[in-house]
């Protein structure tokens, strides 16, 4: 009895701590979700558009970009192409968490839908594979729920919130993401070099490319990690 209790207690404590740690990301997600729903409806789209998009697409910045194209007069094809371009970065994220998600078909299908910048960063920041998997699912499911609730609330509020940019909502996600990845950047020299290289690329191209594209191009920093890994293998051989 005593050993069973000792086994269950750490698990409960571990899950509770992950919920507590990810709650800040959920809060930021809900706030930005409200902004997305309100901006979409205030711009003239029906309530169901941001709501269905958030459930089916679930791609934060790509959703903002797609709605921006629609509100600017672009067609659905142009909006979808913009969203797909900005969301291609999740392909790299999916590779990073492929082993964490699990091997079952259902797990991989649902897990792929939950892959976001914040969820991947939160999972990879954990210390061991078991905790990483638990962090991915707790963070991912919570983020999905809060984001969609926020979008629905913002869409129903419509234009009543006024200009949502004056509240500084656009800064919520970047601030939270920096807080999540900073410990990993400090602890790992290779990660730090990749992050700095990616940041340099993003800053360099920002004046010349559309919003969102610098994030995609910043993935070039991953090639630095790949090159160093190949060099290390060659040296070992």
C-alpha atoms as a PDB file:
ATOM      1  CA  UNK A   1       0.000   0.000   0.000  1.00  0.00           C
ATOM      2  CA  UNK A   2       2.742   2.377   0.941  1.00  0.00           C
ATOM      3  CA  UNK A   3       4.651   1.846  -2.339  1.00  0.00           C
ATOM      4  CA  UNK A   4       1.480   2.308  -4.411  1.00  0.00           C
ATOM      5  CA  UNK A   5       0.801   5.599  -2.684  1.00  0.00           C
ATOM      6  CA  UNK A   6       4.358   6.724  -3.300  1.00  0.00           C
ATOM      7  CA  UNK A   7       3.961   5.895  -7.002  1.00  0.00           C
ATOM      8  CA  UNK A   8       0.731   7.813  -7.439  1.00  0.00           C
ATOM      9  CA  UNK A   9       1.648  10.898  -5.439  1.00  0.00           C
ATOM     10  CA  UNK A  10       4.581  12.040  -7.629  1.00  0.00           C
ATOM     11  CA  UNK A  11       2.458  11.567 -10.740  1.00  0.00           C
ATOM     12  CA  UNK A  12      -0.315  13.696  -9.356  1.00  0.00           C
ATOM     13  CA  UNK A  13       2.181  16.326  -8.216  1.00  0.00           C
ATOM     14  CA  UNK A  14       3.925  16.245 -11.595  1.00  0.00           C
ATOM     15  CA  UNK A  15       0.676  16.717 -13.518  1.00  0.00           C
ATOM     16  CA  UNK A  16      -0.390  19.523 -11.209  1.00  0.00           C
ATOM     17  CA  UNK A  17       2.887  21.354 -11.681  1.00  0.00           C
ATOM     18  CA  UNK A  18       2.617  21.053 -15.471  1.00  0.00           C
ATOM     19  CA  UNK A  19      -0.913  22.470 -15.392  1.00  0.00           C
ATOM     20  CA  UNK A  20       0.303  25.326 -13.217  1.00  0.00           C
ATOM     21  CA  UNK A  21       3.296  26.053 -15.461  1.00  0.00           C
ATOM     22  CA  UNK A  22       1.295  25.946 -18.688  1.00  0.00           C
ATOM     23  CA  UNK A  23      -1.563  28.073 -17.337  1.00  0.00           C
ATOM     24  CA  UNK A  24       0.289  31.266 -18.289  1.00  0.00           C
ATOM     25  CA  UNK A  25       0.394  30.096 -21.903  1.00  0.00           C
ATOM     26  CA  UNK A  26      -3.294  29.246 -21.766  1.00  0.00           C
ATOM     27  CA  UNK A  27      -4.101  32.710 -20.451  1.00  0.00           C
ATOM     28  CA  UNK A  28      -2.131  34.373 -23.241  1.00  0.00           C
ATOM     29  CA  UNK A  29      -3.803  32.084 -25.778  1.00  0.00           C
ATOM     30  CA  UNK A  30      -7.269  32.978 -24.543  1.00  0.00           C
ATOM     31  CA  UNK A  31      -6.532  36.704 -24.676  1.00  0.00           C
ATOM     32  CA  UNK A  32      -5.158  36.542 -28.214  1.00  0.00           C
ATOM     33  CA  UNK A  33      -8.054  34.261 -29.211  1.00  0.00           C
ATOM     34  CA  UNK A  34     -10.506  36.919 -28.068  1.00  0.00           C
ATOM     35  CA  UNK A  35      -8.616  39.422 -30.196  1.00  0.00           C
ATOM     36  CA  UNK A  36      -8.739  37.150 -33.248  1.00  0.00           C
ATOM     37  CA  UNK A  37     -12.468  36.516 -32.936  1.00  0.00           C
ATOM     38  CA  UNK A  38     -13.242  40.194 -32.386  1.00  0.00           C
ATOM     39  CA  UNK A  39     -11.029  41.420 -35.243  1.00  0.00           C
ATOM     40  CA  UNK A  40     -12.551  38.900 -37.655  1.00  0.00           C
ATOM     41  CA  UNK A  41     -16.175  39.776 -36.891  1.00  0.00           C
ATOM     42  CA  UNK A  42     -15.532  43.515 -36.582  1.00  0.00           C
ATOM     43  CA  UNK A  43     -13.975  43.366 -40.063  1.00  0.00           C
ATOM     44  CA  UNK A  44     -17.172  41.973 -41.533  1.00  0.00           C
ATOM     45  CA  UNK A  45     -16.813  38.193 -41.370  1.00  0.00           C
ATOM     46  CA  UNK A  46     -19.664  36.065 -39.968  1.00  0.00           C
ATOM     47  CA  UNK A  47     -19.202  34.636 -36.470  1.00  0.00           C
ATOM     48  CA  UNK A  48     -18.875  31.070 -37.738  1.00  0.00           C
ATOM     49  CA  UNK A  49     -15.765  31.819 -39.868  1.00  0.00           C
ATOM     50  CA  UNK A  50     -13.234  32.446 -37.056  1.00  0.00           C
ATOM     51  CA  UNK A  51     -14.866  29.777 -34.886  1.00  0.00           C
ATOM     52  CA  UNK A  52     -14.719  26.997 -37.508  1.00  0.00           C
ATOM     53  CA  UNK A  53     -11.266  28.106 -38.642  1.00  0.00           C
ATOM     54  CA  UNK A  54      -9.957  27.849 -35.083  1.00  0.00           C
ATOM     55  CA  UNK A  55     -11.373  24.360 -34.614  1.00  0.00           C
ATOM     56  CA  UNK A  56     -10.277  22.950 -37.970  1.00  0.00           C
ATOM     57  CA  UNK A  57      -7.108  24.900 -38.813  1.00  0.00           C
ATOM     58  CA  UNK A  58      -5.917  25.897 -35.323  1.00  0.00           C
ATOM     59  CA  UNK A  59      -2.875  27.873 -36.393  1.00  0.00           C
ATOM     60  CA  UNK A  60      -2.668  31.184 -34.502  1.00  0.00           C
ATOM     61  CA  UNK A  61      -0.558  33.543 -36.632  1.00  0.00           C
ATOM     62  CA  UNK A  62      -1.568  31.780 -39.847  1.00  0.00           C
ATOM     63  CA  UNK A  63      -5.223  32.397 -38.970  1.00  0.00           C
ATOM     64  CA  UNK A  64      -4.552  36.113 -38.424  1.00  0.00           C
ATOM     65  CA  UNK A  65      -2.780  36.282 -41.785  1.00  0.00           C
ATOM     66  CA  UNK A  66      -5.525  34.401 -43.632  1.00  0.00           C
ATOM     67  CA  UNK A  67      -8.239  36.625 -42.168  1.00  0.00           C
ATOM     68  CA  UNK A  68      -6.143  39.685 -43.026  1.00  0.00           C
ATOM     69  CA  UNK A  69      -6.097  38.582 -46.659  1.00  0.00           C
ATOM     70  CA  UNK A  70      -9.860  38.013 -46.654  1.00  0.00           C
ATOM     71  CA  UNK A  71     -10.584  41.390 -45.057  1.00  0.00           C
ATOM     72  CA  UNK A  72      -8.280  43.080 -47.554  1.00  0.00           C
ATOM     73  CA  UNK A  73     -10.389  41.686 -50.407  1.00  0.00           C
ATOM     74  CA  UNK A  74      -8.365  38.598 -51.275  1.00  0.00           C
ATOM     75  CA  UNK A  75     -10.041  35.346 -52.193  1.00  0.00           C
ATOM     76  CA  UNK A  76     -10.175  32.116 -50.149  1.00  0.00           C
ATOM     77  CA  UNK A  77      -7.381  30.560 -52.231  1.00  0.00           C
ATOM     78  CA  UNK A  78      -5.004  33.448 -51.480  1.00  0.00           C
ATOM     79  CA  UNK A  79      -5.939  33.341 -47.798  1.00  0.00           C
ATOM     80  CA  UNK A  80      -5.338  29.572 -47.620  1.00  0.00           C
ATOM     81  CA  UNK A  81      -1.984  29.881 -49.423  1.00  0.00           C
ATOM     82  CA  UNK A  82      -0.833  32.568 -46.987  1.00  0.00           C
ATOM     83  CA  UNK A  83      -1.816  30.457 -43.997  1.00  0.00           C
ATOM     84  CA  UNK A  84      -0.095  27.361 -45.394  1.00  0.00           C
ATOM     85  CA  UNK A  85       3.113  29.281 -46.068  1.00  0.00           C
ATOM     86  CA  UNK A  86       3.306  30.637 -42.544  1.00  0.00           C
ATOM     87  CA  UNK A  87       2.397  27.305 -41.007  1.00  0.00           C
ATOM     88  CA  UNK A  88       5.063  25.245 -42.786  1.00  0.00           C
ATOM     89  CA  UNK A  89       7.353  25.888 -39.810  1.00  0.00           C
ATOM     90  CA  UNK A  90       5.302  23.341 -37.857  1.00  0.00           C
ATOM     91  CA  UNK A  91       6.798  20.613 -40.052  1.00  0.00           C
ATOM     92  CA  UNK A  92      10.104  21.119 -38.250  1.00  0.00           C
ATOM     93  CA  UNK A  93       8.306  21.273 -34.907  1.00  0.00           C
ATOM     94  CA  UNK A  94       6.536  17.986 -35.673  1.00  0.00           C
ATOM     95  CA  UNK A  95       9.868  16.271 -36.316  1.00  0.00           C
ATOM     96  CA  UNK A  96      11.145  17.567 -32.980  1.00  0.00           C
ATOM     97  CA  UNK A  97       8.239  16.059 -31.022  1.00  0.00           C
ATOM     98  CA  UNK A  98       7.507  12.966 -33.159  1.00  0.00           C
ATOM     99  CA  UNK A  99       8.836  10.585 -30.508  1.00  0.00           C
ATOM    100  CA  UNK A 100       7.162  12.525 -27.706  1.00  0.00           C
ATOM    101  CA  UNK A 101       3.645  12.344 -29.161  1.00  0.00           C
ATOM    102  CA  UNK A 102       3.512   8.544 -29.285  1.00  0.00           C
ATOM    103  CA  UNK A 103       3.347   5.779 -31.863  1.00  0.00           C
ATOM    104  CA  UNK A 104      -0.390   5.103 -32.141  1.00  0.00           C
ATOM    105  CA  UNK A 105      -2.228   6.345 -35.212  1.00  0.00           C
ATOM    106  CA  UNK A 106      -4.840   8.209 -33.170  1.00  0.00           C
ATOM    107  CA  UNK A 107      -2.167   9.802 -30.974  1.00  0.00           C
ATOM    108  CA  UNK A 108      -0.192  10.995 -33.971  1.00  0.00           C
ATOM    109  CA  UNK A 109      -3.277  12.350 -35.743  1.00  0.00           C
ATOM    110  CA  UNK A 110      -4.488  14.315 -32.709  1.00  0.00           C
ATOM    111  CA  UNK A 111      -0.960  15.263 -31.667  1.00  0.00           C
ATOM    112  CA  UNK A 112      -0.200  16.707 -35.111  1.00  0.00           C
ATOM    113  CA  UNK A 113      -3.233  18.971 -34.770  1.00  0.00           C
ATOM    114  CA  UNK A 114      -2.005  20.213 -31.389  1.00  0.00           C
ATOM    115  CA  UNK A 115       1.529  21.091 -32.537  1.00  0.00           C
ATOM    116  CA  UNK A 116       2.134  24.804 -31.936  1.00  0.00           C
ATOM    117  CA  UNK A 117       5.146  26.973 -31.106  1.00  0.00           C
ATOM    118  CA  UNK A 118       4.149  27.151 -27.450  1.00  0.00           C
ATOM    119  CA  UNK A 119       3.286  23.479 -26.954  1.00  0.00           C
ATOM    120  CA  UNK A 120       6.510  22.273 -28.577  1.00  0.00           C
ATOM    121  CA  UNK A 121       8.631  24.737 -26.600  1.00  0.00           C
ATOM    122  CA  UNK A 122       6.944  23.739 -23.339  1.00  0.00           C
ATOM    123  CA  UNK A 123       7.388  20.010 -24.013  1.00  0.00           C
ATOM    124  CA  UNK A 124      11.027  20.220 -25.070  1.00  0.00           C
ATOM    125  CA  UNK A 125      11.869  22.326 -22.024  1.00  0.00           C
ATOM    126  CA  UNK A 126      11.127  19.357 -19.733  1.00  0.00           C
ATOM    127  CA  UNK A 127      13.879  17.211 -18.279  1.00  0.00           C
ATOM    128  CA  UNK A 128      12.958  13.653 -19.322  1.00  0.00           C
ATOM    129  CA  UNK A 129      10.898  11.860 -22.044  1.00  0.00           C
ATOM    130  CA  UNK A 130       8.026  10.897 -19.735  1.00  0.00           C
ATOM    131  CA  UNK A 131       7.586  14.441 -18.492  1.00  0.00           C
ATOM    132  CA  UNK A 132       7.958  15.772 -22.047  1.00  0.00           C
ATOM    133  CA  UNK A 133       5.079  13.605 -23.296  1.00  0.00           C
ATOM    134  CA  UNK A 134       2.882  14.578 -20.363  1.00  0.00           C
ATOM    135  CA  UNK A 135       3.738  18.250 -20.870  1.00  0.00           C
ATOM    136  CA  UNK A 136       2.899  18.063 -24.572  1.00  0.00           C
ATOM    137  CA  UNK A 137      -0.579  16.659 -24.016  1.00  0.00           C
ATOM    138  CA  UNK A 138      -1.453  18.803 -21.010  1.00  0.00           C
ATOM    139  CA  UNK A 139      -0.244  21.965 -22.703  1.00  0.00           C
ATOM    140  CA  UNK A 140      -1.643  21.077 -26.123  1.00  0.00           C
ATOM    141  CA  UNK A 141      -5.155  20.090 -25.044  1.00  0.00           C
ATOM    142  CA  UNK A 142      -5.436  23.011 -22.632  1.00  0.00           C
ATOM    143  CA  UNK A 143      -4.187  25.481 -25.225  1.00  0.00           C
ATOM    144  CA  UNK A 144      -6.606  24.163 -27.850  1.00  0.00           C
ATOM    145  CA  UNK A 145      -9.566  24.465 -25.474  1.00  0.00           C
ATOM    146  CA  UNK A 146      -8.738  27.952 -24.192  1.00  0.00           C
ATOM    147  CA  UNK A 147      -7.886  29.303 -27.644  1.00  0.00           C
ATOM    148  CA  UNK A 148     -11.228  28.188 -29.099  1.00  0.00           C
ATOM    149  CA  UNK A 149     -13.191  29.471 -26.112  1.00  0.00           C
ATOM    150  CA  UNK A 150     -11.425  32.822 -26.483  1.00  0.00           C
ATOM    151  CA  UNK A 151     -12.143  32.974 -30.220  1.00  0.00           C
ATOM    152  CA  UNK A 152     -15.813  32.213 -29.644  1.00  0.00           C
ATOM    153  CA  UNK A 153     -16.061  34.882 -26.949  1.00  0.00           C
ATOM    154  CA  UNK A 154     -14.331  37.472 -29.123  1.00  0.00           C
ATOM    155  CA  UNK A 155     -16.462  36.626 -32.145  1.00  0.00           C
ATOM    156  CA  UNK A 156     -19.678  36.968 -30.129  1.00  0.00           C
ATOM    157  CA  UNK A 157     -18.466  40.283 -28.706  1.00  0.00           C
ATOM    158  CA  UNK A 158     -17.847  41.493 -32.255  1.00  0.00           C
ATOM    159  CA  UNK A 159     -16.924  45.139 -32.506  1.00  0.00           C
ATOM    160  CA  UNK A 160     -17.824  45.915 -28.896  1.00  0.00           C
ATOM    161  CA  UNK A 161     -14.155  45.641 -27.845  1.00  0.00           C
ATOM    162  CA  UNK A 162     -13.069  48.393 -30.218  1.00  0.00           C
ATOM    163  CA  UNK A 163      -9.500  48.459 -31.508  1.00  0.00           C
ATOM    164  CA  UNK A 164      -7.939  45.380 -29.910  1.00  0.00           C
ATOM    165  CA  UNK A 165      -4.382  46.457 -30.790  1.00  0.00           C
ATOM    166  CA  UNK A 166      -4.482  49.239 -28.185  1.00  0.00           C
ATOM    167  CA  UNK A 167      -4.514  46.596 -25.440  1.00  0.00           C
ATOM    168  CA  UNK A 168      -1.149  45.226 -26.559  1.00  0.00           C
ATOM    169  CA  UNK A 169      -2.588  41.770 -27.208  1.00  0.00           C
ATOM    170  CA  UNK A 170      -0.135  41.165 -30.043  1.00  0.00           C
ATOM    171  CA  UNK A 171       2.728  41.090 -27.540  1.00  0.00           C
ATOM    172  CA  UNK A 172       1.241  38.347 -25.348  1.00  0.00           C
ATOM    173  CA  UNK A 173       2.352  35.282 -27.345  1.00  0.00           C
ATOM    174  CA  UNK A 174       5.919  36.446 -28.107  1.00  0.00           C
ATOM    175  CA  UNK A 175       6.504  37.282 -24.439  1.00  0.00           C
ATOM    176  CA  UNK A 176       5.278  33.887 -23.261  1.00  0.00           C
ATOM    177  CA  UNK A 177       7.272  32.034 -25.922  1.00  0.00           C
ATOM    178  CA  UNK A 178      10.478  33.813 -24.897  1.00  0.00           C
ATOM    179  CA  UNK A 179       9.839  32.863 -21.269  1.00  0.00           C
ATOM    180  CA  UNK A 180       9.430  29.208 -22.288  1.00  0.00           C
ATOM    181  CA  UNK A 181      12.549  28.858 -24.428  1.00  0.00           C
ATOM    182  CA  UNK A 182      14.921  31.056 -22.409  1.00  0.00           C
ATOM    183  CA  UNK A 183      15.966  28.311 -19.938  1.00  0.00           C
ATOM    184  CA  UNK A 184      16.849  25.950 -22.808  1.00  0.00           C
ATOM    185  CA  UNK A 185      18.775  28.688 -24.614  1.00  0.00           C
ATOM    186  CA  UNK A 186      20.760  29.450 -21.472  1.00  0.00           C
ATOM    187  CA  UNK A 187      21.540  25.812 -20.714  1.00  0.00           C
ATOM    188  CA  UNK A 188      22.551  24.520 -24.163  1.00  0.00           C
ATOM    189  CA  UNK A 189      25.291  26.227 -26.188  1.00  0.00           C
ATOM    190  CA  UNK A 190      24.207  24.537 -29.440  1.00  0.00           C
ATOM    191  CA  UNK A 191      20.608  25.669 -28.989  1.00  0.00           C
ATOM    192  CA  UNK A 192      21.870  29.149 -28.182  1.00  0.00           C
ATOM    193  CA  UNK A 193      23.899  29.346 -31.403  1.00  0.00           C
ATOM    194  CA  UNK A 194      20.961  28.085 -33.479  1.00  0.00           C
ATOM    195  CA  UNK A 195      18.588  30.569 -31.825  1.00  0.00           C
ATOM    196  CA  UNK A 196      20.957  33.492 -32.397  1.00  0.00           C
ATOM    197  CA  UNK A 197      21.485  32.511 -36.035  1.00  0.00           C
ATOM    198  CA  UNK A 198      17.728  32.230 -36.594  1.00  0.00           C
ATOM    199  CA  UNK A 199      17.100  35.577 -34.872  1.00  0.00           C
ATOM    200  CA  UNK A 200      19.750  37.256 -37.044  1.00  0.00           C
ATOM    201  CA  UNK A 201      18.101  35.914 -40.206  1.00  0.00           C
ATOM    202  CA  UNK A 202      14.634  37.024 -39.044  1.00  0.00           C
ATOM    203  CA  UNK A 203      15.821  40.545 -38.195  1.00  0.00           C
ATOM    204  CA  UNK A 204      17.672  40.884 -41.486  1.00  0.00           C
ATOM    205  CA  UNK A 205      14.697  39.974 -43.688  1.00  0.00           C
ATOM    206  CA  UNK A 206      11.922  41.653 -41.651  1.00  0.00           C
ATOM    207  CA  UNK A 207      11.957  44.955 -43.634  1.00  0.00           C
ATOM    208  CA  UNK A 208      11.758  43.136 -46.969  1.00  0.00           C
ATOM    209  CA  UNK A 209       9.209  40.335 -46.526  1.00  0.00           C
ATOM    210  CA  UNK A 210       5.554  40.078 -45.418  1.00  0.00           C
ATOM    211  CA  UNK A 211       4.717  39.598 -41.689  1.00  0.00           C
ATOM    212  CA  UNK A 212       5.157  36.027 -40.513  1.00  0.00           C
ATOM    213  CA  UNK A 213       7.707  35.059 -43.174  1.00  0.00           C
ATOM    214  CA  UNK A 214      10.729  36.062 -40.999  1.00  0.00           C
ATOM    215  CA  UNK A 215       9.694  33.362 -38.504  1.00  0.00           C
ATOM    216  CA  UNK A 216       9.705  30.790 -41.287  1.00  0.00           C
ATOM    217  CA  UNK A 217      13.108  31.896 -42.591  1.00  0.00           C
ATOM    218  CA  UNK A 218      14.529  31.822 -39.063  1.00  0.00           C
ATOM    219  CA  UNK A 219      14.408  28.034 -39.302  1.00  0.00           C
ATOM    220  CA  UNK A 220      17.654  28.411 -41.233  1.00  0.00           C
ATOM    221  CA  UNK A 221      19.271  28.390 -37.794  1.00  0.00           C
ATOM    222  CA  UNK A 222      18.533  24.661 -37.643  1.00  0.00           C
ATOM    223  CA  UNK A 223      21.056  24.030 -40.417  1.00  0.00           C
ATOM    224  CA  UNK A 224      23.769  25.206 -38.037  1.00  0.00           C
ATOM    225  CA  UNK A 225      22.779  22.468 -35.599  1.00  0.00           C
ATOM    226  CA  UNK A 226      22.657  19.888 -38.402  1.00  0.00           C
ATOM    227  CA  UNK A 227      26.092  20.892 -39.689  1.00  0.00           C
ATOM    228  CA  UNK A 228      27.665  20.723 -36.256  1.00  0.00           C
ATOM    229  CA  UNK A 229      26.043  17.332 -35.650  1.00  0.00           C
ATOM    230  CA  UNK A 230      27.510  15.994 -38.896  1.00  0.00           C
ATOM    231  CA  UNK A 231      30.934  17.395 -37.974  1.00  0.00           C
ATOM    232  CA  UNK A 232      30.735  15.752 -34.560  1.00  0.00           C
ATOM    233  CA  UNK A 233      29.863  12.375 -36.082  1.00  0.00           C
ATOM    234  CA  UNK A 234      32.737  12.722 -38.572  1.00  0.00           C
ATOM    235  CA  UNK A 235      35.188  13.585 -35.798  1.00  0.00           C
ATOM    236  CA  UNK A 236      34.032  10.627 -33.729  1.00  0.00           C
ATOM    237  CA  UNK A 237      34.471   8.288 -36.689  1.00  0.00           C
END
